[in-house]
Amino acid sequence: MGLTYQSTRGGESGVTASMAILQGLAKDGGLFMPAEIPKLDVPFEVLAGMTYQETAYEVMKLFLTDFTEEELKSCIDRAYDGKFDTEEIAPLAKADGAYYLELYHGSTIAFKDMALSILPHLMTTSARKNKADKEIVILTATSGDTGKAAMAGFADVPGTRIIVFYPKNGVSKVQELQMRTQKGDNTSVVAIHGNFDDAQTGVKNIFGNRALEEEMASAGFQFSSANSINIGRLVPQVVYYVYAYAKLLANQEIGQGEEINVVVPTGNFGNILAAYFAKKWAFLSRPWYALPMTTRYCTIFCYRNLRQEAGIYPYQFPVHGHPYIQQFRASYLPERRLRSGSQRSLMKELAEKGSYTVTPAMREFMSDFTGGFATEAENAAVIKQIFEDTGYLVDTHTGVAAAVYKGYKALTGDGAKTVIASTASPYKFSHSVMEAIAGSESLEGRDEFQVVDELSRLTGTPVPGAVEEIRNAPVRHNLECGVDKMEETVKNILGI
């Protein structure tokens, strides 16, 4: 029997990969985790000569063992094709003493494309494999990027519908336009009157409503998710960390077995969890097949947002010796990591009290990471410095990662080669990037697209096709609702 999945809360086990993808969330509210971390069975000197698509197969076949070779390769080939604007899919750019892993060359110019380009194909294949007879309703909360990437992936995919909730006034203008102009008869976008945590909590509550599940089933629908709670989104993200290491080896930037650091700007930790999966191979596979990656730290992408949003479990996180208290949102990272008998009670405590006690096991897990943040001023300064010194342009999320890395390196003297996950195109946040490199006066009197054009002129970088596409696109989605009306809105969209 191949690799199976089990709920982090103990309610389900022995679940196939395809069924875990199809369900999205376990029936007990937990997340699906593989019963064991599979062993990487291809040496890195072989991976070093592979394309992104070939690497994706070698990694994903280990986790999705009930997919045939033909099925999995078909999903990969349809996902990583001409919709990416570079043949490499995820190129590495060397700049300012680090290696930037560009994860934004897909159709929505953000790293979410890397997984959400393949998830629809994995999900429809999973539906066929499990003889699913209901229409799949993808329900997703987004802070900006997941929503558009998921909608682009699922648009007009037979047997599916997708409903995306995002916080009104909580995403960039480009992000909002990308969602509100999305084509596809099966797509719906709803702005909620709240923040991202409200959207995510509302989606989780809908998934956990068993009465609604039965009502949906009787109407011919079943829910699934495109958020990182779905293992079908997490597994493809593991690929690009393996690919990055293999390319560094192929380019002779590192030696065989040399350790690297990885810096990940993050909102809700799915991207870091994928890096953690890759890192675990250093312990669980044969040494010469291991990924010698020291995932030293994650970065919290916006300290201001963390102050504004309700912290779920306060945890004193070591930030290079600085006495900051970071308020982490309800992350799935610890839930996927901590499969213990107390997990169910911890999640119950979180739901009822809004917090839970950090256990010794959690503290041990967090020791694998170092945290950091950058203020808006520090972020702007590093974007400007990198551009002026090297001509390389980064977005605001990548800027935070770069700023934290610089601080970490200055304080620790750690000289290990470092990969920074560059998670979005600078044109995704053109106002902020333009202000960083040219000052606030550069924005005066310019609308969103005038800023885009000026950023292109000033930096000599081309405007991505994804931005040009929405320049004159008609707005197709205008729905809004309160947080307490999310379930009702879903039913109205589906005609229940």
Protein backbone atom coordinates (compact mmCIF):
# COMPACT_ATOMS: atom_id res chain seq x y z
CA MET A 1 0.00 0.00 0.00
CA GLY A 2 1.28 3.49 -0.85
CA LEU A 3 1.68 6.48 1.42
CA THR A 4 -1.49 7.39 3.29
CA TYR A 5 -2.64 10.47 5.15
CA GLN A 6 -4.12 11.06 8.58
CA SER A 7 -5.80 13.94 10.35
CA THR A 8 -3.74 16.04 12.73
CA ARG A 9 -6.62 15.65 15.20
CA GLY A 10 -6.79 11.87 15.08
CA GLY A 11 -10.21 11.42 13.52
CA GLU A 12 -9.17 9.95 10.18
CA SER A 13 -6.29 7.76 9.04
CA GLY A 14 -5.41 5.55 6.10
CA VAL A 15 -6.67 8.20 3.65
CA THR A 16 -5.23 8.12 0.14
CA ALA A 17 -3.54 11.20 -1.31
CA SER A 18 -6.30 11.68 -3.88
CA MET A 19 -9.02 11.55 -1.23
CA ALA A 20 -7.10 13.96 1.01
CA ILE A 21 -6.85 16.38 -1.92
CA LEU A 22 -10.53 15.97 -2.72
CA GLN A 23 -11.67 16.54 0.87
CA GLY A 24 -9.24 19.37 1.58
CA LEU A 25 -9.95 19.33 5.30
CA ALA A 26 -10.46 16.26 7.48
CA LYS A 27 -13.96 15.67 8.84
CA ASP A 28 -12.78 16.34 12.39
CA GLY A 29 -11.49 19.76 11.36
CA GLY A 30 -7.88 18.62 11.31
CA LEU A 31 -5.38 18.80 8.48
CA PHE A 32 -4.11 15.86 6.49
CA MET A 33 -0.49 14.87 7.04
CA PRO A 34 1.38 11.95 5.49
CA ALA A 35 1.69 8.99 7.84
CA GLU A 36 5.44 9.31 7.30
CA ILE A 37 7.76 11.61 5.39
CA PRO A 38 8.81 9.66 2.28
CA LYS A 39 12.43 9.19 1.35
CA LEU A 40 13.89 11.12 -1.55
CA ASP A 41 15.08 8.41 -3.95
CA VAL A 42 17.00 10.41 -6.55
CA PRO A 43 20.51 11.75 -5.85
CA PHE A 44 21.00 15.49 -6.16
CA GLU A 45 23.63 15.14 -8.86
CA VAL A 46 20.83 13.64 -10.99
CA LEU A 47 18.24 16.24 -9.93
CA ALA A 48 20.76 18.95 -10.86
CA GLY A 49 20.32 18.07 -14.52
CA MET A 50 16.51 18.00 -14.48
CA THR A 51 13.94 20.54 -15.63
CA TYR A 52 11.42 21.95 -13.20
CA GLN A 53 8.77 19.57 -14.53
CA GLU A 54 11.04 16.55 -14.11
CA THR A 55 11.96 17.63 -10.57
CA ALA A 56 8.27 18.10 -9.76
CA TYR A 57 7.55 14.51 -10.75
CA GLU A 58 10.40 13.08 -8.67
CA VAL A 59 9.22 14.96 -5.58
CA MET A 60 5.46 14.68 -5.97
CA LYS A 61 5.42 10.97 -6.79
CA LEU A 62 6.71 10.34 -3.27
CA PHE A 63 3.68 12.03 -1.69
CA LEU A 64 0.93 11.22 -4.21
CA THR A 65 1.42 7.49 -4.45
CA ASP A 66 -2.06 6.56 -5.64
CA PHE A 67 -1.58 8.65 -8.80
CA THR A 68 -0.24 6.71 -11.75
CA GLU A 69 2.87 7.98 -13.51
CA GLU A 70 0.75 8.97 -16.49
CA GLU A 71 -1.77 10.84 -14.32
CA LEU A 72 0.83 12.76 -12.35
CA LYS A 73 2.96 13.68 -15.36
CA SER A 74 -0.17 14.87 -17.17
CA CYS A 75 -1.05 17.14 -14.23
CA ILE A 76 2.49 18.52 -14.13
CA ASP A 77 2.70 19.12 -17.88
CA ARG A 78 -0.63 20.96 -17.94
CA ALA A 79 0.31 23.09 -14.94
CA TYR A 80 3.84 24.20 -15.79
CA ASP A 81 3.46 25.23 -19.40
CA GLY A 82 3.21 28.42 -21.44
CA LYS A 83 1.31 30.26 -18.71
CA PHE A 84 4.70 30.84 -17.08
CA ASP A 85 6.72 33.60 -18.73
CA THR A 86 10.08 31.86 -18.28
CA GLU A 87 11.09 28.38 -19.42
CA GLU A 88 12.79 27.71 -16.08
CA ILE A 89 9.47 28.21 -14.22
CA ALA A 90 11.32 29.26 -11.02
CA PRO A 91 14.64 30.90 -11.96
CA LEU A 92 17.33 31.82 -9.44
CA ALA A 93 18.74 35.34 -9.60
CA LYS A 94 22.00 36.13 -7.81
CA ALA A 95 21.99 39.65 -6.36
CA ASP A 96 23.29 41.52 -3.33
CA GLY A 97 24.94 38.48 -1.74
CA ALA A 98 21.95 36.13 -1.94
CA TYR A 99 20.06 33.96 -4.42
CA TYR A 100 16.51 35.10 -5.16
CA LEU A 101 14.19 32.23 -6.05
CA GLU A 102 11.70 33.96 -8.36
CA LEU A 103 8.34 32.33 -7.75
CA TYR A 104 6.25 34.93 -9.57
CA HIS A 105 6.48 34.03 -13.26
CA GLY A 106 3.02 32.48 -13.45
CA SER A 107 -0.23 33.94 -14.68
CA THR A 108 -0.92 35.99 -11.53
CA ILE A 109 2.70 37.09 -10.80
CA ALA A 110 2.80 35.62 -7.30
CA PHE A 111 4.20 32.43 -5.75
CA LYS A 112 0.72 30.99 -5.27
CA ASP A 113 0.76 30.13 -9.00
CA MET A 114 3.42 27.51 -8.30
CA ALA A 115 0.91 25.30 -6.49
CA LEU A 116 -2.43 26.61 -7.71
CA SER A 117 -1.55 25.98 -11.34
CA ILE A 118 -1.49 22.26 -10.62
CA LEU A 119 -4.13 21.91 -7.89
CA PRO A 120 -7.14 21.97 -10.29
CA HIS A 121 -5.60 19.12 -12.27
CA LEU A 122 -4.79 17.14 -9.13
CA MET A 123 -8.31 17.73 -7.85
CA THR A 124 -10.18 16.76 -11.00
CA THR A 125 -7.96 13.69 -11.35
CA SER A 126 -8.71 12.84 -7.70
CA ALA A 127 -12.44 13.21 -8.35
CA ARG A 128 -12.26 10.74 -11.23
CA LYS A 129 -10.16 8.30 -9.22
CA ASN A 130 -12.68 8.35 -6.37
CA LYS A 131 -15.76 8.34 -8.65
CA ALA A 132 -16.99 11.58 -7.08
CA ASP A 133 -20.52 12.37 -8.29
CA LYS A 134 -20.89 15.87 -6.84
CA GLU A 135 -19.81 19.26 -8.12
CA ILE A 136 -16.73 20.43 -6.21
CA VAL A 137 -17.05 23.86 -4.61
CA ILE A 138 -13.65 25.41 -3.90
CA LEU A 139 -14.02 27.74 -0.92
CA THR A 140 -11.05 30.00 -0.22
CA ALA A 141 -10.04 32.96 1.93
CA THR A 142 -7.31 35.21 0.58
CA SER A 143 -5.14 38.08 1.66
CA GLY A 144 -4.64 38.92 -2.00
CA ASP A 145 -2.69 36.33 -3.96
CA THR A 146 -4.29 32.95 -3.26
CA GLY A 147 -7.70 34.11 -4.48
CA LYS A 148 -6.62 35.22 -7.93
CA ALA A 149 -4.28 32.29 -8.44
CA ALA A 150 -6.98 29.82 -7.42
CA MET A 151 -9.59 31.48 -9.60
CA ALA A 152 -7.23 31.50 -12.59
CA GLY A 153 -6.52 27.81 -12.04
CA PHE A 154 -10.13 26.70 -11.61
CA ALA A 155 -11.81 29.06 -14.10
CA ASP A 156 -14.17 27.04 -16.30
CA VAL A 157 -12.77 23.70 -15.07
CA PRO A 158 -15.69 21.27 -15.55
CA GLY A 159 -17.28 19.94 -12.37
CA THR A 160 -15.96 22.75 -10.17
CA ARG A 161 -16.99 26.11 -8.78
CA ILE A 162 -14.83 28.52 -6.83
CA ILE A 163 -15.84 31.14 -4.26
CA VAL A 164 -13.18 33.50 -2.90
CA PHE A 165 -13.53 35.77 0.13
CA TYR A 166 -11.13 38.68 0.61
CA PRO A 167 -11.00 41.59 3.09
CA LYS A 168 -12.45 44.77 1.59
CA ASN A 169 -9.77 47.50 1.63
CA GLY A 170 -7.27 44.86 2.77
CA VAL A 171 -5.52 44.02 -0.51
CA SER A 172 -3.60 46.07 -3.07
CA LYS A 173 -5.42 47.69 -6.01
CA VAL A 174 -3.76 45.34 -8.47
CA GLN A 175 -4.69 42.31 -6.35
CA GLU A 176 -8.31 43.45 -6.11
CA LEU A 177 -8.58 44.15 -9.83
CA GLN A 178 -7.07 40.79 -10.65
CA MET A 179 -9.83 39.10 -8.67
CA ARG A 180 -12.75 41.33 -9.65
CA THR A 181 -11.98 41.07 -13.36
CA GLN A 182 -11.49 37.29 -13.34
CA LYS A 183 -13.28 35.48 -16.14
CA GLY A 184 -15.01 32.13 -15.78
CA ASP A 185 -18.66 31.25 -15.37
CA ASN A 186 -17.83 29.18 -12.29
CA THR A 187 -15.97 31.94 -10.40
CA SER A 188 -17.28 34.20 -7.62
CA VAL A 189 -15.49 36.80 -5.50
CA VAL A 190 -16.83 38.35 -2.30
CA ALA A 191 -15.38 41.29 -0.34
CA ILE A 192 -16.04 40.86 3.38
CA HIS A 193 -16.31 43.66 5.92
CA GLY A 194 -13.42 42.48 8.06
CA ASN A 195 -9.78 41.43 7.89
CA PHE A 196 -8.10 38.32 6.51
CA ASP A 197 -8.37 36.44 9.80
CA ASP A 198 -12.13 37.03 9.71
CA ALA A 199 -12.28 35.63 6.18
CA GLN A 200 -10.20 32.59 7.05
CA THR A 201 -12.12 31.88 10.26
CA GLY A 202 -15.40 32.20 8.37
CA VAL A 203 -14.25 29.70 5.74
CA LYS A 204 -13.09 27.27 8.44
CA ASN A 205 -16.45 27.57 10.18
CA ILE A 206 -18.26 26.80 6.93
CA PHE A 207 -16.09 23.72 6.43
CA GLY A 208 -16.89 22.60 9.96
CA ASN A 209 -20.67 23.00 9.63
CA ARG A 210 -21.94 19.43 9.25
CA ALA A 211 -25.56 20.51 8.76
CA LEU A 212 -24.46 22.68 5.84
CA GLU A 213 -22.39 19.79 4.49
CA GLU A 214 -25.49 17.60 4.37
CA GLU A 215 -27.53 20.38 2.78
CA MET A 216 -24.81 20.82 0.18
CA ALA A 217 -24.65 17.11 -0.53
CA SER A 218 -28.39 16.89 -1.09
CA ALA A 219 -28.05 19.74 -3.61
CA GLY A 220 -25.21 17.94 -5.42
CA PHE A 221 -22.21 19.86 -4.04
CA GLN A 222 -19.19 19.10 -1.91
CA PHE A 223 -16.66 21.53 -0.45
CA SER A 224 -12.94 21.48 -0.95
CA SER A 225 -10.22 24.06 -0.42
CA ALA A 226 -7.47 25.79 -2.38
CA ASN A 227 -5.86 27.21 0.75
CA SER A 228 -2.69 25.69 2.17
CA ILE A 229 -4.87 23.47 4.35
CA ASN A 230 -5.10 21.26 1.24
CA ILE A 231 -2.21 18.82 0.94
CA GLY A 232 -2.52 19.20 -2.84
CA ARG A 233 -1.27 22.76 -2.43
CA LEU A 234 1.44 21.99 0.04
CA VAL A 235 3.17 19.17 -1.84
CA PRO A 236 3.83 21.20 -5.03
CA GLN A 237 5.46 23.90 -2.90
CA VAL A 238 8.07 21.43 -1.65
CA VAL A 239 9.25 21.10 -5.24
CA TYR A 240 10.74 24.54 -5.67
CA TYR A 241 13.00 24.27 -2.62
CA VAL A 242 14.42 21.00 -3.94
CA TYR A 243 14.74 22.55 -7.40
CA ALA A 244 16.57 25.61 -6.00
CA TYR A 245 19.13 23.46 -4.21
CA ALA A 246 19.65 21.31 -7.30
CA LYS A 247 20.18 24.41 -9.48
CA LEU A 248 22.73 25.86 -7.06
CA LEU A 249 24.57 22.56 -7.31
CA ALA A 250 24.27 22.50 -11.10
CA ASN A 251 25.61 26.06 -11.35
CA GLN A 252 28.52 25.19 -9.03
CA GLU A 253 27.40 27.84 -6.55
CA ILE A 254 27.54 25.21 -3.79
CA GLY A 255 29.35 21.94 -3.30
CA GLN A 256 27.82 18.49 -2.82
CA GLY A 257 26.26 18.33 0.64
CA GLU A 258 26.82 22.03 1.41
CA GLU A 259 24.18 23.50 3.72
CA ILE A 260 22.15 26.52 2.72
CA ASN A 261 19.80 28.91 4.51
CA VAL A 262 16.31 29.69 3.28
CA VAL A 263 14.45 32.93 3.97
CA VAL A 264 10.69 32.94 3.48
CA PRO A 265 8.45 36.00 3.72
CA THR A 266 5.20 34.68 5.06
CA GLY A 267 1.66 35.43 6.02
CA ASN A 268 0.24 32.15 7.18
CA PHE A 269 3.20 29.78 7.03
CA GLY A 270 2.23 27.36 4.26
CA ASN A 271 5.30 28.34 2.27
CA ILE A 272 7.54 27.80 5.28
CA LEU A 273 5.92 24.46 6.04
CA ALA A 274 6.83 23.32 2.52
CA ALA A 275 10.44 24.34 3.21
CA TYR A 276 10.28 22.39 6.46
CA PHE A 277 9.13 19.28 4.58
CA ALA A 278 12.13 19.63 2.27
CA LYS A 279 14.42 20.17 5.23
CA LYS A 280 13.24 16.96 6.92
CA TRP A 281 14.82 14.92 4.17
CA ALA A 282 18.13 15.82 5.71
CA PHE A 283 17.15 13.58 8.64
CA LEU A 284 14.98 10.92 7.10
CA SER A 285 16.60 9.95 3.81
CA ARG A 286 20.01 8.56 3.02
CA PRO A 287 22.59 11.29 3.56
CA TRP A 288 23.68 11.56 -0.05
CA TYR A 289 20.06 11.98 -1.12
CA ALA A 290 19.27 14.47 1.62
CA LEU A 291 18.49 18.12 1.15
CA PRO A 292 21.11 19.77 3.35
CA MET A 293 19.02 22.84 4.04
CA THR A 294 19.11 24.67 7.34
CA THR A 295 15.80 26.48 7.30
CA ARG A 296 17.14 29.11 9.67
CA TYR A 297 14.31 31.54 9.83
CA CYS A 298 10.99 32.73 8.61
CA THR A 299 10.03 36.36 8.26
CA ILE A 300 6.72 37.91 9.22
CA PHE A 301 5.75 39.92 6.20
CA CYS A 302 4.06 42.92 7.76
CA TYR A 303 4.47 43.91 11.38
CA ARG A 304 1.81 46.60 11.03
CA ASN A 305 -0.79 44.01 10.04
CA LEU A 306 0.20 41.81 12.95
CA ARG A 307 -0.45 44.70 15.33
CA GLN A 308 -3.83 45.39 13.77
CA GLU A 309 -5.06 41.83 13.66
CA ALA A 310 -6.04 39.81 16.68
CA GLY A 311 -3.11 37.65 17.75
CA ILE A 312 -4.10 34.06 18.41
CA TYR A 313 -1.27 32.53 20.33
CA PRO A 314 1.31 34.96 21.68
CA TYR A 315 4.75 33.43 21.54
CA GLN A 316 8.05 35.06 22.41
CA PHE A 317 10.03 34.35 19.28
CA PRO A 318 13.80 34.95 19.18
CA VAL A 319 14.46 37.84 16.82
CA HIS A 320 18.26 37.97 16.81
CA GLY A 321 18.42 38.99 20.47
CA HIS A 322 15.82 41.75 20.22
CA PRO A 323 13.07 41.61 22.91
CA TYR A 324 10.07 41.73 20.59
CA ILE A 325 6.88 39.80 21.17
CA GLN A 326 5.44 38.52 17.92
CA GLN A 327 1.70 37.93 17.71
CA PHE A 328 1.22 34.99 15.40
CA ARG A 329 -2.08 34.37 13.72
CA ALA A 330 -3.73 30.94 13.90
CA SER A 331 -1.19 29.12 11.80
CA TYR A 332 -1.51 25.60 10.43
CA LEU A 333 2.24 25.13 10.70
CA PRO A 334 2.23 23.89 14.31
CA GLU A 335 -0.93 21.85 13.79
CA ARG A 336 0.63 19.98 10.88
CA ARG A 337 3.85 19.55 12.83
CA LEU A 338 2.41 18.45 16.15
CA ARG A 339 0.58 15.19 15.76
CA SER A 340 0.02 14.32 19.39
CA GLY A 341 -2.73 13.16 21.69
CA SER A 342 -3.20 16.68 22.96
CA GLN A 343 -3.71 18.20 19.51
CA ARG A 344 -7.50 18.03 19.65
CA SER A 345 -7.61 19.76 23.03
CA LEU A 346 -5.18 22.45 21.84
CA MET A 347 -7.37 23.26 18.85
CA LYS A 348 -10.46 23.30 21.07
CA GLU A 349 -8.71 25.70 23.44
CA LEU A 350 -7.76 27.89 20.50
CA ALA A 351 -11.33 27.99 19.20
CA GLU A 352 -12.91 28.69 22.59
CA LYS A 353 -10.37 31.06 24.17
CA GLY A 354 -8.55 32.52 21.19
CA SER A 355 -5.21 31.25 22.48
CA TYR A 356 -3.44 28.15 23.71
CA THR A 357 -0.41 27.36 25.80
CA VAL A 358 2.83 26.86 23.92
CA THR A 359 3.94 23.34 24.78
CA PRO A 360 7.53 22.09 25.16
CA ALA A 361 7.10 20.16 21.90
CA MET A 362 6.11 23.34 20.12
CA ARG A 363 9.10 25.19 21.57
CA GLU A 364 11.36 22.40 20.35
CA PHE A 365 9.84 22.66 16.88
CA MET A 366 10.26 26.45 16.81
CA SER A 367 13.95 26.05 17.56
CA ASP A 368 14.38 25.16 13.88
CA PHE A 369 13.42 28.72 12.98
CA THR A 370 14.52 32.25 13.64
CA GLY A 371 11.97 35.03 13.23
CA GLY A 372 12.25 38.63 12.22
CA PHE A 373 10.38 41.57 10.81
CA ALA A 374 11.11 44.84 9.09
CA THR A 375 9.33 48.14 9.56
CA GLU A 376 7.94 49.83 6.48
CA ALA A 377 10.86 52.27 6.52
CA GLU A 378 13.41 49.44 6.73
CA ASN A 379 11.63 47.58 3.96
CA ALA A 380 11.64 50.61 1.66
CA ALA A 381 15.31 51.27 2.42
CA VAL A 382 16.41 47.77 1.47
CA ILE A 383 14.35 47.77 -1.76
CA LYS A 384 16.07 51.04 -2.72
CA GLN A 385 19.53 49.83 -1.70
CA ILE A 386 19.29 46.56 -3.66
CA PHE A 387 18.05 48.35 -6.76
CA GLU A 388 20.66 51.12 -6.62
CA ASP A 389 23.54 48.75 -5.90
CA THR A 390 22.66 45.92 -8.27
CA GLY A 391 19.80 46.99 -10.57
CA TYR A 392 17.69 44.13 -9.16
CA LEU A 393 14.10 45.03 -8.26
CA VAL A 394 12.15 43.24 -5.52
CA ASP A 395 8.63 43.55 -4.17
CA THR A 396 7.70 44.50 -0.62
CA HIS A 397 7.41 40.95 0.72
CA THR A 398 10.79 40.00 -0.70
CA GLY A 399 12.14 43.28 0.67
CA VAL A 400 11.21 42.23 4.20
CA ALA A 401 12.93 38.89 3.69
CA ALA A 402 16.05 40.65 2.43
CA ALA A 403 16.03 43.12 5.34
CA VAL A 404 15.70 40.38 7.94
CA TYR A 405 18.44 38.35 6.25
CA LYS A 406 20.80 41.33 6.33
CA GLY A 407 20.10 41.84 10.03
CA TYR A 408 20.55 38.18 10.79
CA LYS A 409 23.83 37.97 8.88
CA ALA A 410 25.20 41.12 10.53
CA LEU A 411 24.40 39.85 14.01
CA THR A 412 25.43 36.21 13.59
CA GLY A 413 28.15 36.29 10.95
CA ASP A 414 26.53 33.24 9.33
CA GLY A 415 28.09 33.04 5.88
CA ALA A 416 26.08 30.10 4.53
CA LYS A 417 24.75 30.52 1.01
CA THR A 418 21.18 31.78 1.24
CA VAL A 419 18.10 31.42 -0.94
CA ILE A 420 15.44 34.10 -0.50
CA ALA A 421 11.97 33.12 -1.68
CA SER A 422 10.88 36.02 -3.89
CA THR A 423 7.15 35.63 -3.67
CA ALA A 424 5.70 38.35 -5.91
CA SER A 425 6.52 40.60 -8.82
CA PRO A 426 7.40 44.20 -7.90
CA TYR A 427 4.45 45.19 -10.10
CA LYS A 428 2.06 43.47 -7.70
CA PHE A 429 2.76 46.33 -5.27
CA SER A 430 3.84 49.04 -7.67
CA HIS A 431 2.90 51.99 -5.42
CA SER A 432 5.01 50.76 -2.51
CA VAL A 433 7.96 49.77 -4.70
CA MET A 434 7.85 53.05 -6.61
CA GLU A 435 7.72 55.04 -3.40
CA ALA A 436 10.66 53.06 -2.02
CA ILE A 437 12.98 53.78 -4.94
CA ALA A 438 11.79 57.26 -5.97
CA GLY A 439 10.02 58.81 -2.98
CA SER A 440 6.38 59.65 -2.29
CA GLU A 441 6.42 62.55 -4.75
CA SER A 442 6.74 59.99 -7.57
CA LEU A 443 3.14 58.92 -6.85
CA GLU A 444 1.57 62.37 -6.95
CA GLY A 445 -1.13 62.75 -9.57
CA ARG A 446 -0.69 59.20 -10.88
CA ASP A 447 -3.28 56.46 -10.86
CA GLU A 448 -2.44 52.78 -10.44
CA PHE A 449 -1.44 52.14 -14.03
CA GLN A 450 0.41 55.41 -14.45
CA VAL A 451 2.55 54.32 -11.50
CA VAL A 452 3.08 50.94 -13.19
CA ASP A 453 4.24 52.65 -16.37
CA GLU A 454 6.56 55.01 -14.51
CA LEU A 455 8.06 52.13 -12.53
CA SER A 456 8.79 50.34 -15.80
CA ARG A 457 10.35 53.46 -17.33
CA LEU A 458 12.45 54.24 -14.28
CA THR A 459 13.77 50.72 -13.71
CA GLY A 460 13.95 49.44 -17.28
CA THR A 461 11.88 46.38 -16.38
CA PRO A 462 8.92 45.24 -18.50
CA VAL A 463 5.35 45.44 -17.23
CA PRO A 464 4.16 41.83 -16.71
CA GLY A 465 1.44 40.52 -18.97
CA ALA A 466 -0.75 39.81 -15.94
CA VAL A 467 -0.84 43.54 -15.17
CA GLU A 468 -1.42 44.57 -18.76
CA GLU A 469 -4.28 42.11 -18.89
CA ILE A 470 -6.30 43.92 -16.21
CA ARG A 471 -5.53 47.46 -17.40
CA ASN A 472 -8.80 47.78 -19.31
CA ALA A 473 -10.58 44.59 -18.23
CA PRO A 474 -14.21 44.99 -17.14
CA VAL A 475 -15.09 44.39 -13.48
CA ARG A 476 -17.22 41.25 -13.26
CA HIS A 477 -17.56 40.73 -9.50
CA ASN A 478 -19.14 43.19 -7.06
CA LEU A 479 -20.41 41.07 -4.16
CA GLU A 480 -19.83 42.18 -0.55
CA CYS A 481 -21.01 40.80 2.78
CA GLY A 482 -20.50 40.96 6.52
CA VAL A 483 -18.50 38.25 8.26
CA ASP A 484 -21.71 36.85 9.74
CA LYS A 485 -23.24 36.50 6.27
CA MET A 486 -20.55 34.38 4.63
CA GLU A 487 -22.45 31.09 4.83
CA GLU A 488 -25.62 32.73 3.55
CA THR A 489 -23.67 34.26 0.68
CA VAL A 490 -22.23 30.88 -0.31
CA LYS A 491 -25.73 29.36 -0.40
CA ASN A 492 -27.03 32.25 -2.48
CA ILE A 493 -24.22 31.87 -5.01
CA LEU A 494 -24.93 28.15 -5.33
CA GLY A 495 -28.68 28.67 -5.47
CA ILE A 496 -29.39 26.56 -2.39
